[in-house]
PDB file of all heavy atoms in Angstrom:
ATOM      1  N   GLY A   1      80.618 121.575 115.722  1.00  0.00           N
ATOM      2  CA  GLY A   1      81.671 120.976 114.895  1.00  0.00           C
ATOM      3  C   GLY A   1      82.136 119.657 115.444  1.00  0.00           C
ATOM      4  O   GLY A   1      82.416 118.702 114.713  1.00  0.00           O
ATOM      5  N   ARG A   2      82.253 119.573 116.769  1.00  0.00           N
ATOM      6  CA  ARG A   2      82.632 118.286 117.378  1.00  0.00           C
ATOM      7  C   ARG A   2      81.580 117.204 117.161  1.00  0.00           C
ATOM      8  O   ARG A   2      81.904 116.036 116.930  1.00  0.00           O
ATOM      9  CB  ARG A   2      82.922 118.520 118.883  1.00  0.00           C
ATOM     10  CG  ARG A   2      83.407 117.254 119.607  1.00  0.00           C
ATOM     11  CD  ARG A   2      83.723 117.597 121.032  1.00  0.00           C
ATOM     12  NE  ARG A   2      84.755 118.640 121.118  1.00  0.00           N
ATOM     13  CZ  ARG A   2      85.166 119.128 122.342  1.00  0.00           C
ATOM     14  NH1 ARG A   2      84.621 118.756 123.413  1.00  0.00           N
ATOM     15  NH2 ARG A   2      86.098 120.062 122.289  1.00  0.00           N
ATOM     16  N   VAL A   3      80.332 117.624 117.256  1.00  0.00           N
ATOM     17  CA  VAL A   3      79.235 116.647 116.967  1.00  0.00           C
ATOM     18  C   VAL A   3      79.341 116.112 115.553  1.00  0.00           C
ATOM     19  O   VAL A   3      79.230 114.904 115.299  1.00  0.00           O
ATOM     20  CB  VAL A   3      77.896 117.315 117.248  1.00  0.00           C
ATOM     21  CG1 VAL A   3      76.763 116.394 116.751  1.00  0.00           C
ATOM     22  CG2 VAL A   3      77.705 117.548 118.701  1.00  0.00           C
ATOM     23  N   ALA A   4      79.604 117.009 114.585  1.00  0.00           N
ATOM     24  CA  ALA A   4      79.708 116.582 113.195  1.00  0.00           C
ATOM     25  C   ALA A   4      80.916 115.635 113.047  1.00  0.00           C
ATOM     26  O   ALA A   4      80.897 114.661 112.274  1.00  0.00           O
ATOM     27  CB  ALA A   4      79.845 117.777 112.286  1.00  0.00           C
ATOM     28  N   GLU A   5      82.003 115.949 113.727  1.00  0.00           N
ATOM     29  CA  GLU A   5      83.203 115.111 113.655  1.00  0.00           C
ATOM     30  C   GLU A   5      82.892 113.704 114.205  1.00  0.00           C
ATOM     31  O   GLU A   5      83.299 112.683 113.571  1.00  0.00           O
ATOM     32  CB  GLU A   5      84.317 115.800 114.440  1.00  0.00           C
ATOM     33  CG  GLU A   5      85.649 114.990 114.394  1.00  0.00           C
ATOM     34  CD  GLU A   5      86.728 115.609 115.235  1.00  0.00           C
ATOM     35  OE1 GLU A   5      86.499 116.735 115.763  1.00  0.00           O
ATOM     36  OE2 GLU A   5      87.765 114.969 115.384  1.00  0.00           O
ATOM     37  N   ARG A   6      82.263 113.578 115.353  1.00  0.00           N
ATOM     38  CA  ARG A   6      81.907 112.334 115.911  1.00  0.00           C
ATOM     39  C   ARG A   6      80.928 111.543 115.007  1.00  0.00           C
ATOM     40  O   ARG A   6      81.046 110.347 114.893  1.00  0.00           O
ATOM     41  CB  ARG A   6      81.299 112.481 117.307  1.00  0.00           C
ATOM     42  CG  ARG A   6      82.210 113.180 118.351  1.00  0.00           C
ATOM     43  CD  ARG A   6      83.489 112.407 118.552  1.00  0.00           C
ATOM     44  NE  ARG A   6      84.284 113.006 119.589  1.00  0.00           N
ATOM     45  CZ  ARG A   6      85.586 112.675 119.819  1.00  0.00           C
ATOM     46  NH1 ARG A   6      86.158 111.764 119.076  1.00  0.00           N
ATOM     47  NH2 ARG A   6      86.305 113.270 120.760  1.00  0.00           N
ATOM     48  N   GLN A   7      80.029 112.285 114.406  1.00  0.00           N
ATOM     49  CA  GLN A   7      79.044 111.648 113.494  1.00  0.00           C
ATOM     50  C   GLN A   7      79.792 111.050 112.316  1.00  0.00           C
ATOM     51  O   GLN A   7      79.488 109.927 111.866  1.00  0.00           O
ATOM     52  CB  GLN A   7      78.010 112.667 113.064  1.00  0.00           C
ATOM     53  CG  GLN A   7      76.945 112.122 112.119  1.00  0.00           C
ATOM     54  CD  GLN A   7      76.022 111.101 112.830  1.00  0.00           C
ATOM     55  OE1 GLN A   7      75.726 111.272 114.027  1.00  0.00           O
ATOM     56  NE2 GLN A   7      75.588 110.103 112.107  1.00  0.00           N
ATOM     57  N   ALA A   8      80.718 111.805 111.719  1.00  0.00           N
ATOM     58  CA  ALA A   8      81.493 111.310 110.566  1.00  0.00           C
ATOM     59  C   ALA A   8      82.335 110.084 110.950  1.00  0.00           C
ATOM     60  O   ALA A   8      82.460 109.108 110.141  1.00  0.00           O
ATOM     61  CB  ALA A   8      82.357 112.420 109.974  1.00  0.00           C
ATOM     62  N   GLU A   9      82.900 110.116 112.126  1.00  0.00           N
ATOM     63  CA  GLU A   9      83.705 108.995 112.582  1.00  0.00           C
ATOM     64  C   GLU A   9      82.863 107.726 112.777  1.00  0.00           C
ATOM     65  O   GLU A   9      83.240 106.640 112.315  1.00  0.00           O
ATOM     66  CB  GLU A   9      84.378 109.308 113.921  1.00  0.00           C
ATOM     67  CG  GLU A   9      85.303 108.226 114.397  1.00  0.00           C
ATOM     68  CD  GLU A   9      85.970 108.618 115.751  1.00  0.00           C
ATOM     69  OE1 GLU A   9      85.776 109.785 116.191  1.00  0.00           O
ATOM     70  OE2 GLU A   9      86.693 107.746 116.311  1.00  0.00           O
ATOM     71  N   LEU A  10      81.642 107.935 113.302  1.00  0.00           N
ATOM     72  CA  LEU A  10      80.711 106.816 113.483  1.00  0.00           C
ATOM     73  C   LEU A  10      80.269 106.239 112.110  1.00  0.00           C
ATOM     74  O   LEU A  10      80.238 105.032 111.945  1.00  0.00           O
ATOM     75  CB  LEU A  10      79.553 107.185 114.304  1.00  0.00           C
ATOM     76  CG  LEU A  10      78.476 106.145 114.567  1.00  0.00           C
ATOM     77  CD1 LEU A  10      79.082 104.964 115.278  1.00  0.00           C
ATOM     78  CD2 LEU A  10      77.254 106.718 115.298  1.00  0.00           C
ATOM     79  N   GLU A  11      79.981 107.117 111.158  1.00  0.00           N
ATOM     80  CA  GLU A  11      79.552 106.614 109.832  1.00  0.00           C
ATOM     81  C   GLU A  11      80.670 105.907 109.121  1.00  0.00           C
ATOM     82  O   GLU A  11      80.488 104.900 108.439  1.00  0.00           O
ATOM     83  CB  GLU A  11      79.114 107.847 109.001  1.00  0.00           C
ATOM     84  CG  GLU A  11      77.792 108.483 109.478  1.00  0.00           C
ATOM     85  CD  GLU A  11      77.442 109.702 108.729  1.00  0.00           C
ATOM     86  OE1 GLU A  11      78.273 110.143 107.857  1.00  0.00           O
ATOM     87  OE2 GLU A  11      76.350 110.279 108.937  1.00  0.00           O
ATOM     88  N   GLY A  12      81.934 106.333 109.310  1.00  0.00           N
ATOM     89  CA  GLY A  12      83.064 105.636 108.728  1.00  0.00           C
ATOM     90  C   GLY A  12      83.236 104.227 109.317  1.00  0.00           C
ATOM     91  O   GLY A  12      83.517 103.293 108.564  1.00  0.00           O
ATOM     92  N   LEU A  13      83.061 104.134 110.620  1.00  0.00           N
ATOM     93  CA  LEU A  13      83.131 102.811 111.232  1.00  0.00           C
ATOM     94  C   LEU A  13      82.014 101.889 110.773  1.00  0.00           C
ATOM     95  O   LEU A  13      82.213 100.665 110.568  1.00  0.00           O
ATOM     96  CB  LEU A  13      83.194 102.960 112.762  1.00  0.00           C
ATOM     97  CG  LEU A  13      84.389 103.586 113.367  1.00  0.00           C
ATOM     98  CD1 LEU A  13      84.219 103.831 114.845  1.00  0.00           C
ATOM     99  CD2 LEU A  13      85.632 102.668 113.155  1.00  0.00           C
ATOM    100  N   GLU A  14      80.806 102.454 110.649  1.00  0.00           N
ATOM    101  CA  GLU A  14      79.705 101.674 110.157  1.00  0.00           C
ATOM    102  C   GLU A  14      79.951 101.156 108.720  1.00  0.00           C
ATOM    103  O   GLU A  14      79.631 100.045 108.387  1.00  0.00           O
ATOM    104  CB  GLU A  14      78.423 102.519 110.180  1.00  0.00           C
ATOM    105  CG  GLU A  14      77.897 102.886 111.571  1.00  0.00           C
ATOM    106  CD  GLU A  14      77.255 101.651 112.264  1.00  0.00           C
ATOM    107  OE1 GLU A  14      77.170 100.587 111.641  1.00  0.00           O
ATOM    108  OE2 GLU A  14      76.862 101.798 113.456  1.00  0.00           O
ATOM    109  N   ALA A  15      80.542 102.041 107.909  1.00  0.00           N
ATOM    110  CA  ALA A  15      80.893 101.620 106.532  1.00  0.00           C
ATOM    111  C   ALA A  15      81.937 100.499 106.528  1.00  0.00           C
ATOM    112  O   ALA A  15      81.871  99.569 105.717  1.00  0.00           O
ATOM    113  CB  ALA A  15      81.386 102.817 105.717  1.00  0.00           C
ATOM    114  N   GLN A  16      82.899 100.583 107.378  1.00  0.00           N
ATOM    115  CA  GLN A  16      83.956  99.528 107.503  1.00  0.00           C
ATOM    116  C   GLN A  16      83.318  98.215 107.958  1.00  0.00           C
ATOM    117  O   GLN A  16      83.670  97.140 107.477  1.00  0.00           O
ATOM    118  CB  GLN A  16      85.047  99.950 108.441  1.00  0.00           C
ATOM    119  CG  GLN A  16      85.991 101.034 107.825  1.00  0.00           C
ATOM    120  CD  GLN A  16      87.150 101.343 108.739  1.00  0.00           C
ATOM    121  OE1 GLN A  16      87.142 100.923 109.925  1.00  0.00           O
ATOM    122  NE2 GLN A  16      88.142 102.018 108.235  1.00  0.00           N
ATOM    123  N   LEU A  17      82.394  98.294 108.875  1.00  0.00           N
ATOM    124  CA  LEU A  17      81.719  97.073 109.350  1.00  0.00           C
ATOM    125  C   LEU A  17      80.904  96.447 108.206  1.00  0.00           C
ATOM    126  O   LEU A  17      80.746  95.231 108.099  1.00  0.00           O
ATOM    127  CB  LEU A  17      80.790  97.426 110.527  1.00  0.00           C
ATOM    128  CG  LEU A  17      81.475  97.533 111.897  1.00  0.00           C
ATOM    129  CD1 LEU A  17      80.529  98.054 112.945  1.00  0.00           C
ATOM    130  CD2 LEU A  17      82.057  96.188 112.307  1.00  0.00           C
ATOM    131  N   GLY A  18      80.333  97.295 107.321  1.00  0.00           N
ATOM    132  CA  GLY A  18      79.603  96.759 106.226  1.00  0.00           C
ATOM    133  C   GLY A  18      80.502  96.041 105.183  1.00  0.00           C
ATOM    134  O   GLY A  18      79.990  95.229 104.392  1.00  0.00           O
ATOM    135  N   ARG A  19      81.795  96.357 105.252  1.00  0.00           N
ATOM    136  CA  ARG A  19      82.723  95.683 104.245  1.00  0.00           C
ATOM    137  C   ARG A  19      83.419  94.448 104.867  1.00  0.00           C
ATOM    138  O   ARG A  19      84.245  93.874 104.200  1.00  0.00           O
ATOM    139  CB  ARG A  19      83.769  96.712 103.783  1.00  0.00           C
ATOM    140  CG  ARG A  19      83.215  97.864 103.037  1.00  0.00           C
ATOM    141  CD  ARG A  19      84.334  98.540 102.222  1.00  0.00           C
ATOM    142  NE  ARG A  19      85.401  99.048 103.078  1.00  0.00           N
ATOM    143  CZ  ARG A  19      85.449 100.247 103.555  1.00  0.00           C
ATOM    144  NH1 ARG A  19      84.451 101.132 103.310  1.00  0.00           N
ATOM    145  NH2 ARG A  19      86.467 100.659 104.295  1.00  0.00           N
ATOM    146  N   THR A  20      83.140  94.092 106.090  1.00  0.00           N
ATOM    147  CA  THR A  20      83.798  92.957 106.663  1.00  0.00           C
ATOM    148  C   THR A  20      83.296  91.663 106.014  1.00  0.00           C
ATOM    149  O   THR A  20      84.022  90.654 106.023  1.00  0.00           O
ATOM    150  CB  THR A  20      83.578  92.900 108.169  1.00  0.00           C
ATOM    151  OG1 THR A  20      82.135  92.927 108.447  1.00  0.00           O
ATOM    152  CG2 THR A  20      84.233  94.041 108.880  1.00  0.00           C
ATOM    153  N   GLU A  21      82.115  91.661 105.460  1.00  0.00           N
ATOM    154  CA  GLU A  21      81.602  90.496 104.768  1.00  0.00           C
ATOM    155  C   GLU A  21      81.700  90.741 103.227  1.00  0.00           C
ATOM    156  O   GLU A  21      81.019  91.637 102.712  1.00  0.00           O
ATOM    157  CB  GLU A  21      80.149  90.185 105.139  1.00  0.00           C
ATOM    158  CG  GLU A  21      79.669  88.889 104.523  1.00  0.00           C
ATOM    159  CD  GLU A  21      78.243  88.496 104.979  1.00  0.00           C
ATOM    160  OE1 GLU A  21      77.375  89.389 104.962  1.00  0.00           O
ATOM    161  OE2 GLU A  21      78.057  87.360 105.384  1.00  0.00           O
ATOM    162  N   VAL A  22      82.563  90.018 102.594  1.00  0.00           N
ATOM    163  CA  VAL A  22      82.810  90.168 101.147  1.00  0.00           C
ATOM    164  C   VAL A  22      81.825  89.317 100.373  1.00  0.00           C
ATOM    165  O   VAL A  22      81.660  88.112 100.651  1.00  0.00           O
ATOM    166  CB  VAL A  22      84.271  89.795 100.794  1.00  0.00           C
ATOM    167  CG1 VAL A  22      84.523  89.989  99.335  1.00  0.00           C
ATOM    168  CG2 VAL A  22      85.204  90.661 101.647  1.00  0.00           C
ATOM    169  N   ARG A  23      81.160  89.937  99.375  1.00  0.00           N
ATOM    170  CA  ARG A  23      80.161  89.226  98.582  1.00  0.00           C
ATOM    171  C   ARG A  23      80.612  89.154  97.111  1.00  0.00           C
ATOM    172  O   ARG A  23      81.489  89.930  96.690  1.00  0.00           O
ATOM    173  CB  ARG A  23      78.814  89.936  98.711  1.00  0.00           C
ATOM    174  CG  ARG A  23      78.225  89.861 100.102  1.00  0.00           C
ATOM    175  CD  ARG A  23      76.895  90.543 100.184  1.00  0.00           C
ATOM    176  NE  ARG A  23      76.302  90.375 101.505  1.00  0.00           N
ATOM    177  CZ  ARG A  23      75.511  89.357 101.842  1.00  0.00           C
ATOM    178  NH1 ARG A  23      75.176  88.437 100.928  1.00  0.00           N
ATOM    179  NH2 ARG A  23      74.972  89.227 103.034  1.00  0.00           N
ATOM    180  N   ALA A  24      80.028  88.250  96.392  1.00  0.00           N
ATOM    181  CA  ALA A  24      80.343  88.071  94.971  1.00  0.00           C
ATOM    182  C   ALA A  24      79.834  89.249  94.161  1.00  0.00           C
ATOM    183  O   ALA A  24      78.602  89.498  94.209  1.00  0.00           O
ATOM    184  CB  ALA A  24      79.842  86.735  94.455  1.00  0.00           C
ATOM    185  N   PRO A  25      80.693  89.885  93.334  1.00  0.00           N
ATOM    186  CA  PRO A  25      80.182  91.003  92.480  1.00  0.00           C
ATOM    187  C   PRO A  25      79.360  90.523  91.285  1.00  0.00           C
ATOM    188  O   PRO A  25      78.730  91.343  90.632  1.00  0.00           O
ATOM    189  CB  PRO A  25      81.458  91.700  92.064  1.00  0.00           C
ATOM    190  CG  PRO A  25      82.519  90.679  92.137  1.00  0.00           C
ATOM    191  CD  PRO A  25      82.126  89.702  93.231  1.00  0.00           C
ATOM    192  N   ALA A  26      79.430  89.264  90.937  1.00  0.00           N
ATOM    193  CA  ALA A  26      78.712  88.748  89.758  1.00  0.00           C
ATOM    194  C   ALA A  26      78.663  87.199  89.921  1.00  0.00           C
ATOM    195  O   ALA A  26      79.130  86.583  90.836  1.00  0.00           O
ATOM    196  CB  ALA A  26      79.499  89.100  88.485  1.00  0.00           C
ATOM    197  N   ASP A  27      77.890  86.564  88.957  1.00  0.00           N
ATOM    198  CA  ASP A  27      77.837  85.104  88.952  1.00  0.00           C
ATOM    199  C   ASP A  27      79.112  84.525  88.423  1.00  0.00           C
ATOM    200  O   ASP A  27      79.823  85.144  87.608  1.00  0.00           O
ATOM    201  CB  ASP A  27      76.724  84.680  87.973  1.00  0.00           C
ATOM    202  CG  ASP A  27      75.340  85.180  88.444  1.00  0.00           C
ATOM    203  OD1 ASP A  27      75.260  85.644  89.609  1.00  0.00           O
ATOM    204  OD2 ASP A  27      74.372  85.123  87.626  1.00  0.00           O
ATOM    205  N   GLY A  28      79.487  83.357  88.903  1.00  0.00           N
ATOM    206  CA  GLY A  28      80.729  82.699  88.474  1.00  0.00           C
ATOM    207  C   GLY A  28      81.170  81.607  89.391  1.00  0.00           C
ATOM    208  O   GLY A  28      80.376  81.146  90.264  1.00  0.00           O
ATOM    209  N   VAL A  29      82.380  81.191  89.238  1.00  0.00           N
ATOM    210  CA  VAL A  29      82.995  80.159  90.052  1.00  0.00           C
ATOM    211  C   VAL A  29      84.157  80.773  90.887  1.00  0.00           C
ATOM    212  O   VAL A  29      85.001  81.512  90.317  1.00  0.00           O
ATOM    213  CB  VAL A  29      83.567  78.994  89.213  1.00  0.00           C
ATOM    214  CG1 VAL A  29      84.320  78.010  90.037  1.00  0.00           C
ATOM    215  CG2 VAL A  29      82.396  78.320  88.479  1.00  0.00           C
ATOM    216  N   VAL A  30      84.118  80.526  92.159  1.00  0.00           N
ATOM    217  CA  VAL A  30      85.162  81.068  93.046  1.00  0.00           C
ATOM    218  C   VAL A  30      86.372  80.157  93.006  1.00  0.00           C
ATOM    219  O   VAL A  30      86.284  78.981  93.360  1.00  0.00           O
ATOM    220  CB  VAL A  30      84.638  81.179  94.503  1.00  0.00           C
ATOM    221  CG1 VAL A  30      85.725  81.885  95.380  1.00  0.00           C
ATOM    222  CG2 VAL A  30      83.334  81.973  94.528  1.00  0.00           C
ATOM    223  N   VAL A  31      87.510  80.700  92.537  1.00  0.00           N
ATOM    224  CA  VAL A  31      88.691  79.917  92.340  1.00  0.00           C
ATOM    225  C   VAL A  31      89.708  80.293  93.418  1.00  0.00           C
ATOM    226  O   VAL A  31      90.204  81.430  93.426  1.00  0.00           O
ATOM    227  CB  VAL A  31      89.278  80.131  90.936  1.00  0.00           C
ATOM    228  CG1 VAL A  31      90.539  79.255  90.750  1.00  0.00           C
ATOM    229  CG2 VAL A  31      88.255  79.788  89.859  1.00  0.00           C
ATOM    230  N   PHE A  32      90.072  79.360  94.310  1.00  0.00           N
ATOM    231  CA  PHE A  32      91.184  79.507  95.250  1.00  0.00           C
ATOM    232  C   PHE A  32      91.607  78.096  95.682  1.00  0.00           C
ATOM    233  O   PHE A  32      90.913  77.137  95.396  1.00  0.00           O
ATOM    234  CB  PHE A  32      90.808  80.428  96.432  1.00  0.00           C
ATOM    235  CG  PHE A  32      89.664  79.885  97.295  1.00  0.00           C
ATOM    236  CD1 PHE A  32      89.955  79.214  98.502  1.00  0.00           C
ATOM    237  CD2 PHE A  32      88.310  80.031  96.923  1.00  0.00           C
ATOM    238  CE1 PHE A  32      88.932  78.709  99.282  1.00  0.00           C
ATOM    239  CE2 PHE A  32      87.327  79.551  97.751  1.00  0.00           C
ATOM    240  CZ  PHE A  32      87.593  78.901  98.890  1.00  0.00           C
ATOM    241  N   ALA A  33      92.708  78.050  96.373  1.00  0.00           N
ATOM    242  CA  ALA A  33      93.306  76.754  96.668  1.00  0.00           C
ATOM    243  C   ALA A  33      92.613  75.986  97.773  1.00  0.00           C
ATOM    244  O   ALA A  33      92.029  74.925  97.588  1.00  0.00           O
ATOM    245  CB  ALA A  33      94.804  76.925  96.974  1.00  0.00           C
ATOM    246  N   ASP A  34      92.619  76.535  98.968  1.00  0.00           N
ATOM    247  CA  ASP A  34      92.144  75.803 100.131  1.00  0.00           C
ATOM    248  C   ASP A  34      91.663  76.774 101.181  1.00  0.00           C
ATOM    249  O   ASP A  34      92.259  77.843 101.375  1.00  0.00           O
ATOM    250  CB  ASP A  34      93.239  74.904 100.739  1.00  0.00           C
ATOM    251  CG  ASP A  34      92.703  73.949 101.802  1.00  0.00           C
ATOM    252  OD1 ASP A  34      91.445  73.875 101.981  1.00  0.00           O
ATOM    253  OD2 ASP A  34      93.504  73.267 102.433  1.00  0.00           O
ATOM    254  N   VAL A  35      90.543  76.458 101.809  1.00  0.00           N
ATOM    255  CA  VAL A  35      90.019  77.285 102.902  1.00  0.00           C
ATOM    256  C   VAL A  35      91.004  77.449 104.050  1.00  0.00           C
ATOM    257  O   VAL A  35      91.173  78.528 104.611  1.00  0.00           O
ATOM    258  CB  VAL A  35      88.652  76.728 103.393  1.00  0.00           C
ATOM    259  CG1 VAL A  35      88.156  77.548 104.608  1.00  0.00           C
ATOM    260  CG2 VAL A  35      87.612  76.803 102.286  1.00  0.00           C
ATOM    261  N   ASN A  36      91.682  76.348 104.377  1.00  0.00           N
ATOM    262  CA  ASN A  36      92.594  76.396 105.544  1.00  0.00           C
ATOM    263  C   ASN A  36      93.808  77.271 105.322  1.00  0.00           C
ATOM    264  O   ASN A  36      94.481  77.660 106.287  1.00  0.00           O
ATOM    265  CB  ASN A  36      93.063  74.969 105.845  1.00  0.00           C
ATOM    266  CG  ASN A  36      91.926  74.058 106.286  1.00  0.00           C
ATOM    267  OD1 ASN A  36      91.000  74.507 106.953  1.00  0.00           O
ATOM    268  ND2 ASN A  36      91.966  72.801 105.869  1.00  0.00           N
ATOM    269  N   ASP A  37      94.079  77.599 104.037  1.00  0.00           N
ATOM    270  CA  ASP A  37      95.225  78.472 103.756  1.00  0.00           C
ATOM    271  C   ASP A  37      94.898  79.946 104.132  1.00  0.00           C
ATOM    272  O   ASP A  37      95.832  80.783 104.275  1.00  0.00           O
ATOM    273  CB  ASP A  37      95.582  78.440 102.267  1.00  0.00           C
ATOM    274  CG  ASP A  37      96.133  77.109 101.863  1.00  0.00           C
ATOM    275  OD1 ASP A  37      96.609  76.373 102.772  1.00  0.00           O
ATOM    276  OD2 ASP A  37      96.146  76.770 100.666  1.00  0.00           O
ATOM    277  N   TRP A  38      93.596  80.282 104.265  1.00  0.00           N
ATOM    278  CA  TRP A  38      93.179  81.645 104.512  1.00  0.00           C
ATOM    279  C   TRP A  38      92.580  81.885 105.905  1.00  0.00           C
ATOM    280  O   TRP A  38      92.655  83.018 106.426  1.00  0.00           O
ATOM    281  CB  TRP A  38      92.229  82.068 103.444  1.00  0.00           C
ATOM    282  CG  TRP A  38      92.801  82.217 102.101  1.00  0.00           C
ATOM    283  CD1 TRP A  38      92.761  81.275 101.040  1.00  0.00           C
ATOM    284  CD2 TRP A  38      93.637  83.279 101.589  1.00  0.00           C
ATOM    285  NE1 TRP A  38      93.469  81.729  99.975  1.00  0.00           N
ATOM    286  CE2 TRP A  38      94.013  82.943 100.263  1.00  0.00           C
ATOM    287  CE3 TRP A  38      94.081  84.488 102.146  1.00  0.00           C
ATOM    288  CZ2 TRP A  38      94.824  83.814  99.513  1.00  0.00           C
ATOM    289  CZ3 TRP A  38      94.872  85.313 101.393  1.00  0.00           C
ATOM    290  CH2 TRP A  38      95.227  84.975 100.094  1.00  0.00           C
ATOM    291  N   GLN A  39      91.933  80.911 106.467  1.00  0.00           N
ATOM    292  CA  GLN A  39      91.249  81.114 107.743  1.00  0.00           C
ATOM    293  C   GLN A  39      92.314  81.486 108.844  1.00  0.00           C
ATOM    294  O   GLN A  39      93.309  80.733 108.991  1.00  0.00           O
ATOM    295  CB  GLN A  39      90.495  79.896 108.182  1.00  0.00           C
ATOM    296  CG  GLN A  39      89.126  79.789 107.436  1.00  0.00           C
ATOM    297  CD  GLN A  39      88.315  78.616 107.971  1.00  0.00           C
ATOM    298  OE1 GLN A  39      88.843  77.698 108.549  1.00  0.00           O
ATOM    299  NE2 GLN A  39      87.029  78.679 107.753  1.00  0.00           N
ATOM    300  N   GLY A  40      92.079  82.598 109.533  1.00  0.00           N
ATOM    301  CA  GLY A  40      92.991  83.048 110.534  1.00  0.00           C
ATOM    302  C   GLY A  40      94.230  83.740 110.024  1.00  0.00           C
ATOM    303  O   GLY A  40      95.093  84.111 110.831  1.00  0.00           O
ATOM    304  N   ARG A  41      94.262  84.001 108.761  1.00  0.00           N
ATOM    305  CA  ARG A  41      95.443  84.655 108.149  1.00  0.00           C
ATOM    306  C   ARG A  41      95.199  86.148 108.028  1.00  0.00           C
ATOM    307  O   ARG A  41      94.132  86.554 107.549  1.00  0.00           O
ATOM    308  CB  ARG A  41      95.733  84.053 106.774  1.00  0.00           C
ATOM    309  CG  ARG A  41      96.814  84.772 105.997  1.00  0.00           C
ATOM    310  CD  ARG A  41      97.061  84.019 104.696  1.00  0.00           C
ATOM    311  NE  ARG A  41      97.851  84.863 103.813  1.00  0.00           N
ATOM    312  CZ  ARG A  41      98.265  84.467 102.575  1.00  0.00           C
ATOM    313  NH1 ARG A  41      97.918  83.250 102.152  1.00  0.00           N
ATOM    314  NH2 ARG A  41      98.996  85.219 101.833  1.00  0.00           N
ATOM    315  N   PRO A  42      96.144  87.026 108.494  1.00  0.00           N
ATOM    316  CA  PRO A  42      95.943  88.442 108.307  1.00  0.00           C
ATOM    317  C   PRO A  42      96.169  88.844 106.814  1.00  0.00           C
ATOM    318  O   PRO A  42      97.114  88.318 106.191  1.00  0.00           O
ATOM    319  CB  PRO A  42      96.999  89.038 109.231  1.00  0.00           C
ATOM    320  CG  PRO A  42      98.048  87.957 109.353  1.00  0.00           C
ATOM    321  CD  PRO A  42      97.332  86.680 109.268  1.00  0.00           C
ATOM    322  N   VAL A  43      95.332  89.728 106.331  1.00  0.00           N
ATOM    323  CA  VAL A  43      95.445  90.234 104.981  1.00  0.00           C
ATOM    324  C   VAL A  43      95.482  91.753 104.998  1.00  0.00           C
ATOM    325  O   VAL A  43      95.023  92.372 105.946  1.00  0.00           O
ATOM    326  CB  VAL A  43      94.282  89.731 104.115  1.00  0.00           C
ATOM    327  CG1 VAL A  43      94.348  88.254 103.926  1.00  0.00           C
ATOM    328  CG2 VAL A  43      92.938  90.144 104.753  1.00  0.00           C
ATOM    329  N   SER A  44      96.053  92.299 103.971  1.00  0.00           N
ATOM    330  CA  SER A  44      96.147  93.753 103.851  1.00  0.00           C
ATOM    331  C   SER A  44      95.149  94.246 102.760  1.00  0.00           C
ATOM    332  O   SER A  44      94.663  93.457 101.931  1.00  0.00           O
ATOM    333  CB  SER A  44      97.570  94.189 103.495  1.00  0.00           C
ATOM    334  OG  SER A  44      97.993  93.547 102.313  1.00  0.00           O
TER     335      SER A  44
END
């Protein structure tokens, strides 16, 4: 049971790492104000 728990924890971290790079869900134009407004900014 401990092995399964550690395995599930590792898979969850791998899934979170896969979401660190956000990709476009469709074709279009990305609308936002300025890159400098977001770089280094914490988001929830």
